[in-house]
Amino acid sequence: MSPLFVTLEDETGFVNFILWPQVVENFRVLMRTESFLGVSGQLQSKDNVVHIVVKSLWRPRLDCRPPKTKSRDFR
């Protein structure tokens, strides 16, 4: 099985995540069920290209939650 490559972009540039098959297998459920993930791994940078070789994924603990609002139905 080949590694999984994921690229994220924001206003500061790109970062590439490399997930080896064993990491994908270990965190498969978390990857498929969470909408917000933390990533830990080894940072590699060369010629302004940044890679993170992912070692683990985790669910961030956030102190604040979005406010609950009622459904807005437009008819």
PDB file of N, CA and C in Angstrom:
ATOM      1  N   MET A   1       0.846  -1.187   0.000  1.00  0.00           N
ATOM      2  CA  MET A   1       0.000   0.000   0.000  1.00  0.00           C
ATOM      3  C   MET A   1       0.886   1.243   0.000  1.00  0.00           C
ATOM      4  N   SER A   2       0.515   2.222  -0.785  1.00  0.00           N
ATOM      5  CA  SER A   2       1.277   3.467  -0.896  1.00  0.00           C
ATOM      6  C   SER A   2       0.909   4.429   0.230  1.00  0.00           C
ATOM      7  N   PRO A   3       1.784   5.394   0.508  1.00  0.00           N
ATOM      8  CA  PRO A   3       1.437   6.394   1.516  1.00  0.00           C
ATOM      9  C   PRO A   3       0.298   7.289   1.029  1.00  0.00           C
ATOM     10  N   LEU A   4      -0.401   7.881   1.981  1.00  0.00           N
ATOM     11  CA  LEU A   4      -1.468   8.832   1.697  1.00  0.00           C
ATOM     12  C   LEU A   4      -0.869  10.228   1.802  1.00  0.00           C
ATOM     13  N   PHE A   5      -1.081  11.057   0.786  1.00  0.00           N
ATOM     14  CA  PHE A   5      -0.579  12.423   0.777  1.00  0.00           C
ATOM     15  C   PHE A   5      -1.757  13.376   0.893  1.00  0.00           C
ATOM     16  N   VAL A   6      -1.656  14.333   1.814  1.00  0.00           N
ATOM     17  CA  VAL A   6      -2.698  15.333   2.018  1.00  0.00           C
ATOM     18  C   VAL A   6      -2.031  16.699   1.992  1.00  0.00           C
ATOM     19  N   THR A   7      -2.587  17.637   1.232  1.00  0.00           N
ATOM     20  CA  THR A   7      -2.051  18.990   1.162  1.00  0.00           C
ATOM     21  C   THR A   7      -3.081  19.967   1.705  1.00  0.00           C
ATOM     22  N   LEU A   8      -2.648  20.821   2.631  1.00  0.00           N
ATOM     23  CA  LEU A   8      -3.489  21.890   3.154  1.00  0.00           C
ATOM     24  C   LEU A   8      -2.894  23.229   2.735  1.00  0.00           C
ATOM     25  N   GLU A   9      -3.767  24.201   2.489  1.00  0.00           N
ATOM     26  CA  GLU A   9      -3.325  25.524   2.067  1.00  0.00           C
ATOM     27  C   GLU A   9      -4.056  26.585   2.881  1.00  0.00           C
ATOM     28  N   ASP A  10      -3.313  27.624   3.270  1.00  0.00           N
ATOM     29  CA  ASP A  10      -3.937  28.816   3.830  1.00  0.00           C
ATOM     30  C   ASP A  10      -3.208  30.025   3.260  1.00  0.00           C
ATOM     31  N   GLU A  11      -3.451  31.209   3.826  1.00  0.00           N
ATOM     32  CA  GLU A  11      -2.862  32.422   3.266  1.00  0.00           C
ATOM     33  C   GLU A  11      -1.338  32.470   3.387  1.00  0.00           C
ATOM     34  N   THR A  12      -0.750  31.599   4.214  1.00  0.00           N
ATOM     35  CA  THR A  12       0.700  31.595   4.376  1.00  0.00           C
ATOM     36  C   THR A  12       1.400  30.588   3.473  1.00  0.00           C
ATOM     37  N   GLY A  13       0.647  29.694   2.854  1.00  0.00           N
ATOM     38  CA  GLY A  13       1.257  28.725   1.950  1.00  0.00           C
ATOM     39  C   GLY A  13       0.684  27.333   2.100  1.00  0.00           C
ATOM     40  N   PHE A  14       1.489  26.353   1.730  1.00  0.00           N
ATOM     41  CA  PHE A  14       1.074  24.950   1.710  1.00  0.00           C
ATOM     42  C   PHE A  14       1.813  24.165   2.784  1.00  0.00           C
ATOM     43  N   VAL A  15       1.195  23.091   3.240  1.00  0.00           N
ATOM     44  CA  VAL A  15       1.880  22.087   4.048  1.00  0.00           C
ATOM     45  C   VAL A  15       1.375  20.727   3.573  1.00  0.00           C
ATOM     46  N   ASN A  16       2.296  19.808   3.424  1.00  0.00           N
ATOM     47  CA  ASN A  16       1.984  18.466   2.942  1.00  0.00           C
ATOM     48  C   ASN A  16       2.102  17.480   4.088  1.00  0.00           C
ATOM     49  N   PHE A  17       1.084  16.646   4.254  1.00  0.00           N
ATOM     50  CA  PHE A  17       1.111  15.590   5.255  1.00  0.00           C
ATOM     51  C   PHE A  17       1.336  14.263   4.539  1.00  0.00           C
ATOM     52  N   ILE A  18       2.237  13.477   5.065  1.00  0.00           N
ATOM     53  CA  ILE A  18       2.506  12.143   4.530  1.00  0.00           C
ATOM     54  C   ILE A  18       2.104  11.135   5.601  1.00  0.00           C
ATOM     55  N   LEU A  19       1.162  10.265   5.274  1.00  0.00           N
ATOM     56  CA  LEU A  19       0.693   9.245   6.209  1.00  0.00           C
ATOM     57  C   LEU A  19       1.043   7.873   5.643  1.00  0.00           C
ATOM     58  N   TRP A  20       1.929   7.153   6.320  1.00  0.00           N
ATOM     59  CA  TRP A  20       2.307   5.816   5.903  1.00  0.00           C
ATOM     60  C   TRP A  20       1.155   4.854   6.198  1.00  0.00           C
ATOM     61  N   PRO A  21       1.073   3.741   5.484  1.00  0.00           N
ATOM     62  CA  PRO A  21      -0.059   2.813   5.621  1.00  0.00           C
ATOM     63  C   PRO A  21      -0.365   2.406   7.068  1.00  0.00           C
ATOM     64  N   GLN A  22       0.637   2.172   7.885  1.00  0.00           N
ATOM     65  CA  GLN A  22       0.384   1.755   9.271  1.00  0.00           C
ATOM     66  C   GLN A  22      -0.297   2.862  10.064  1.00  0.00           C
ATOM     67  N   VAL A  23       0.062   4.119   9.800  1.00  0.00           N
ATOM     68  CA  VAL A  23      -0.579   5.249  10.481  1.00  0.00           C
ATOM     69  C   VAL A  23      -2.035   5.357  10.037  1.00  0.00           C
ATOM     70  N   VAL A  24      -2.283   5.208   8.733  1.00  0.00           N
ATOM     71  CA  VAL A  24      -3.661   5.251   8.222  1.00  0.00           C
ATOM     72  C   VAL A  24      -4.487   4.155   8.883  1.00  0.00           C
ATOM     73  N   GLU A  25      -3.941   2.966   8.979  1.00  0.00           N
ATOM     74  CA  GLU A  25      -4.670   1.848   9.591  1.00  0.00           C
ATOM     75  C   GLU A  25      -4.936   2.107  11.073  1.00  0.00           C
ATOM     76  N   ASN A  26      -3.941   2.609  11.789  1.00  0.00           N
ATOM     77  CA  ASN A  26      -4.088   2.856  13.227  1.00  0.00           C
ATOM     78  C   ASN A  26      -5.126   3.924  13.548  1.00  0.00           C
ATOM     79  N   PHE A  27      -5.293   4.900  12.660  1.00  0.00           N
ATOM     80  CA  PHE A  27      -6.175   6.034  12.941  1.00  0.00           C
ATOM     81  C   PHE A  27      -7.333   6.131  11.954  1.00  0.00           C
ATOM     82  N   ARG A  28      -7.646   5.034  11.295  1.00  0.00           N
ATOM     83  CA  ARG A  28      -8.690   5.023  10.265  1.00  0.00           C
ATOM     84  C   ARG A  28     -10.044   5.543  10.769  1.00  0.00           C
ATOM     85  N   VAL A  29     -10.490   5.053  11.910  1.00  0.00           N
ATOM     86  CA  VAL A  29     -11.799   5.464  12.436  1.00  0.00           C
ATOM     87  C   VAL A  29     -11.792   6.952  12.763  1.00  0.00           C
ATOM     88  N   LEU A  30     -10.768   7.424  13.407  1.00  0.00           N
ATOM     89  CA  LEU A  30     -10.665   8.845  13.753  1.00  0.00           C
ATOM     90  C   LEU A  30     -10.661   9.704  12.489  1.00  0.00           C
ATOM     91  N   MET A  31      -9.913   9.288  11.481  1.00  0.00           N
ATOM     92  CA  MET A  31      -9.840  10.050  10.225  1.00  0.00           C
ATOM     93  C   MET A  31     -11.192  10.149   9.536  1.00  0.00           C
ATOM     94  N   ARG A  32     -12.013   9.116   9.670  1.00  0.00           N
ATOM     95  CA  ARG A  32     -13.288   9.087   8.964  1.00  0.00           C
ATOM     96  C   ARG A  32     -14.446   9.692   9.751  1.00  0.00           C
ATOM     97  N   THR A  33     -14.257   9.905  11.046  1.00  0.00           N
ATOM     98  CA  THR A  33     -15.385  10.363  11.860  1.00  0.00           C
ATOM     99  C   THR A  33     -15.228  11.770  12.419  1.00  0.00           C
ATOM    100  N   GLU A  34     -14.027  12.285  12.494  1.00  0.00           N
ATOM    101  CA  GLU A  34     -13.817  13.613  13.070  1.00  0.00           C
ATOM    102  C   GLU A  34     -13.722  14.671  11.973  1.00  0.00           C
ATOM    103  N   SER A  35     -14.281  15.842  12.229  1.00  0.00           N
ATOM    104  CA  SER A  35     -14.194  16.933  11.256  1.00  0.00           C
ATOM    105  C   SER A  35     -13.017  17.861  11.549  1.00  0.00           C
ATOM    106  N   PHE A  36     -12.375  17.691  12.707  1.00  0.00           N
ATOM    107  CA  PHE A  36     -11.260  18.548  13.111  1.00  0.00           C
ATOM    108  C   PHE A  36     -10.229  17.664  13.794  1.00  0.00           C
ATOM    109  N   LEU A  37      -9.014  17.600  13.261  1.00  0.00           N
ATOM    110  CA  LEU A  37      -8.007  16.691  13.783  1.00  0.00           C
ATOM    111  C   LEU A  37      -6.712  17.419  14.134  1.00  0.00           C
ATOM    112  N   GLY A  38      -6.039  16.934  15.157  1.00  0.00           N
ATOM    113  CA  GLY A  38      -4.684  17.349  15.461  1.00  0.00           C
ATOM    114  C   GLY A  38      -3.730  16.353  14.830  1.00  0.00           C
ATOM    115  N   VAL A  39      -2.545  16.834  14.469  1.00  0.00           N
ATOM    116  CA  VAL A  39      -1.548  15.996  13.817  1.00  0.00           C
ATOM    117  C   VAL A  39      -0.224  16.151  14.538  1.00  0.00           C
ATOM    118  N   SER A  40       0.430  15.039  14.820  1.00  0.00           N
ATOM    119  CA  SER A  40       1.781  15.056  15.385  1.00  0.00           C
ATOM    120  C   SER A  40       2.685  14.263  14.457  1.00  0.00           C
ATOM    121  N   GLY A  41       3.902  14.770  14.278  1.00  0.00           N
ATOM    122  CA  GLY A  41       4.827  14.063  13.414  1.00  0.00           C
ATOM    123  C   GLY A  41       6.140  14.788  13.291  1.00  0.00           C
ATOM    124  N   GLN A  42       6.904  14.405  12.302  1.00  0.00           N
ATOM    125  CA  GLN A  42       8.225  14.970  12.074  1.00  0.00           C
ATOM    126  C   GLN A  42       8.146  15.998  10.947  1.00  0.00           C
ATOM    127  N   LEU A  43       8.628  17.208  11.231  1.00  0.00           N
ATOM    128  CA  LEU A  43       8.627  18.292  10.255  1.00  0.00           C
ATOM    129  C   LEU A  43       9.850  18.178   9.359  1.00  0.00           C
ATOM    130  N   GLN A  44       9.634  18.286   8.060  1.00  0.00           N
ATOM    131  CA  GLN A  44      10.718  18.303   7.089  1.00  0.00           C
ATOM    132  C   GLN A  44      10.527  19.508   6.187  1.00  0.00           C
ATOM    133  N   SER A  45      11.590  20.276   5.984  1.00  0.00           N
ATOM    134  CA  SER A  45      11.500  21.469   5.152  1.00  0.00           C
ATOM    135  C   SER A  45      12.748  21.572   4.289  1.00  0.00           C
ATOM    136  N   LYS A  46      12.530  21.791   2.990  1.00  0.00           N
ATOM    137  CA  LYS A  46      13.649  21.971   2.071  1.00  0.00           C
ATOM    138  C   LYS A  46      13.176  22.808   0.892  1.00  0.00           C
ATOM    139  N   ASP A  47      13.919  23.834   0.556  1.00  0.00           N
ATOM    140  CA  ASP A  47      13.598  24.700  -0.587  1.00  0.00           C
ATOM    141  C   ASP A  47      12.173  25.241  -0.505  1.00  0.00           C
ATOM    142  N   ASN A  48      11.762  25.705   0.681  1.00  0.00           N
ATOM    143  CA  ASN A  48      10.429  26.283   0.918  1.00  0.00           C
ATOM    144  C   ASN A  48       9.282  25.298   0.713  1.00  0.00           C
ATOM    145  N   VAL A  49       9.572  24.007   0.735  1.00  0.00           N
ATOM    146  CA  VAL A  49       8.533  22.977   0.687  1.00  0.00           C
ATOM    147  C   VAL A  49       8.502  22.316   2.060  1.00  0.00           C
ATOM    148  N   VAL A  50       7.322  22.299   2.685  1.00  0.00           N
ATOM    149  CA  VAL A  50       7.177  21.771   4.038  1.00  0.00           C
ATOM    150  C   VAL A  50       6.370  20.480   3.994  1.00  0.00           C
ATOM    151  N   HIS A  51       6.902  19.461   4.661  1.00  0.00           N
ATOM    152  CA  HIS A  51       6.218  18.176   4.806  1.00  0.00           C
ATOM    153  C   HIS A  51       6.153  17.845   6.290  1.00  0.00           C
ATOM    154  N   ILE A  52       5.076  17.202   6.692  1.00  0.00           N
ATOM    155  CA  ILE A  52       4.997  16.603   8.014  1.00  0.00           C
ATOM    156  C   ILE A  52       4.740  15.113   7.807  1.00  0.00           C
ATOM    157  N   VAL A  53       5.683  14.300   8.272  1.00  0.00           N
ATOM    158  CA  VAL A  53       5.499  12.854   8.241  1.00  0.00           C
ATOM    159  C   VAL A  53       4.708  12.508   9.501  1.00  0.00           C
ATOM    160  N   VAL A  54       3.450  12.155   9.326  1.00  0.00           N
ATOM    161  CA  VAL A  54       2.514  11.997  10.434  1.00  0.00           C
ATOM    162  C   VAL A  54       2.821  10.729  11.230  1.00  0.00           C
ATOM    163  N   LYS A  55       2.906  10.907  12.546  1.00  0.00           N
ATOM    164  CA  LYS A  55       3.100   9.780  13.466  1.00  0.00           C
ATOM    165  C   LYS A  55       1.795   9.416  14.168  1.00  0.00           C
ATOM    166  N   SER A  56       0.966  10.452  14.465  1.00  0.00           N
ATOM    167  CA  SER A  56      -0.311  10.192  15.137  1.00  0.00           C
ATOM    168  C   SER A  56      -1.310  11.296  14.832  1.00  0.00           C
ATOM    169  N   LEU A  57      -2.569  10.946  14.959  1.00  0.00           N
ATOM    170  CA  LEU A  57      -3.686  11.877  14.830  1.00  0.00           C
ATOM    171  C   LEU A  57      -4.442  11.870  16.145  1.00  0.00           C
ATOM    172  N   TRP A  58      -5.053  13.012  16.494  1.00  0.00           N
ATOM    173  CA  TRP A  58      -5.753  13.104  17.770  1.00  0.00           C
ATOM    174  C   TRP A  58      -6.865  14.120  17.673  1.00  0.00           C
ATOM    175  N   ARG A  59      -7.811  13.994  18.595  1.00  0.00           N
ATOM    176  CA  ARG A  59      -8.965  14.890  18.675  1.00  0.00           C
ATOM    177  C   ARG A  59      -8.601  16.053  19.595  1.00  0.00           C
ATOM    178  N   PRO A  60      -8.529  17.278  19.087  1.00  0.00           N
ATOM    179  CA  PRO A  60      -8.211  18.430  19.943  1.00  0.00           C
ATOM    180  C   PRO A  60      -9.304  18.671  20.975  1.00  0.00           C
ATOM    181  N   ARG A  61      -8.889  19.078  22.150  1.00  0.00           N
ATOM    182  CA  ARG A  61      -9.836  19.461  23.199  1.00  0.00           C
ATOM    183  C   ARG A  61      -9.981  20.974  23.161  1.00  0.00           C
ATOM    184  N   LEU A  62     -11.173  21.427  22.854  1.00  0.00           N
ATOM    185  CA  LEU A  62     -11.430  22.855  22.736  1.00  0.00           C
ATOM    186  C   LEU A  62     -12.253  23.324  23.915  1.00  0.00           C
ATOM    187  N   ASP A  63     -11.848  24.438  24.503  1.00  0.00           N
ATOM    188  CA  ASP A  63     -12.583  24.993  25.638  1.00  0.00           C
ATOM    189  C   ASP A  63     -13.866  25.685  25.210  1.00  0.00           C
ATOM    190  N   CYS A  64     -13.872  26.243  24.032  1.00  0.00           N
ATOM    191  CA  CYS A  64     -15.071  26.953  23.596  1.00  0.00           C
ATOM    192  C   CYS A  64     -15.765  26.159  22.496  1.00  0.00           C
ATOM    193  N   ARG A  65     -17.033  26.208  22.498  1.00  0.00           N
ATOM    194  CA  ARG A  65     -17.853  25.545  21.495  1.00  0.00           C
ATOM    195  C   ARG A  65     -18.637  26.612  20.739  1.00  0.00           C
ATOM    196  N   PRO A  66     -19.003  26.334  19.507  1.00  0.00           N
ATOM    197  CA  PRO A  66     -19.842  27.300  18.798  1.00  0.00           C
ATOM    198  C   PRO A  66     -21.186  27.441  19.503  1.00  0.00           C
ATOM    199  N   PRO A  67     -21.755  28.633  19.481  1.00  0.00           N
ATOM    200  CA  PRO A  67     -23.045  28.817  20.152  1.00  0.00           C
ATOM    201  C   PRO A  67     -24.134  27.988  19.480  1.00  0.00           C
ATOM    202  N   LYS A  68     -25.047  27.466  20.300  1.00  0.00           N
ATOM    203  CA  LYS A  68     -26.165  26.718  19.758  1.00  0.00           C
ATOM    204  C   LYS A  68     -27.214  27.704  19.264  1.00  0.00           C
ATOM    205  N   THR A  69     -27.697  27.470  18.076  1.00  0.00           N
ATOM    206  CA  THR A  69     -28.717  28.333  17.509  1.00  0.00           C
ATOM    207  C   THR A  69     -29.862  27.489  16.978  1.00  0.00           C
ATOM    208  N   LYS A  70     -31.007  28.097  16.862  1.00  0.00           N
ATOM    209  CA  LYS A  70     -32.157  27.415  16.295  1.00  0.00           C
ATOM    210  C   LYS A  70     -32.018  27.339  14.781  1.00  0.00           C
ATOM    211  N   SER A  71     -32.659  26.374  14.199  1.00  0.00           N
ATOM    212  CA  SER A  71     -32.672  26.213  12.761  1.00  0.00           C
ATOM    213  C   SER A  71     -33.334  27.426  12.120  1.00  0.00           C
ATOM    214  N   ARG A  72     -32.772  27.890  11.012  1.00  0.00           N
ATOM    215  CA  ARG A  72     -33.374  28.997  10.275  1.00  0.00           C
ATOM    216  C   ARG A  72     -33.889  28.435   8.954  1.00  0.00           C
ATOM    217  N   ASP A  73     -35.193  28.321   8.835  1.00  0.00           N
ATOM    218  CA  ASP A  73     -35.809  27.781   7.638  1.00  0.00           C
ATOM    219  C   ASP A  73     -36.315  28.922   6.772  1.00  0.00           C
ATOM    220  N   PHE A  74     -35.803  29.005   5.563  1.00  0.00           N
ATOM    221  CA  PHE A  74     -36.229  30.051   4.639  1.00  0.00           C
ATOM    222  C   PHE A  74     -37.204  29.451   3.646  1.00  0.00           C
ATOM    223  N   ARG A  75     -38.425  29.998   3.630  1.00  0.00           N
ATOM    224  CA  ARG A  75     -39.466  29.487   2.720  1.00  0.00           C
ATOM    225  C   ARG A  75     -39.995  30.580   1.855  1.00  0.00           C
TER     226      ARG A  75
END
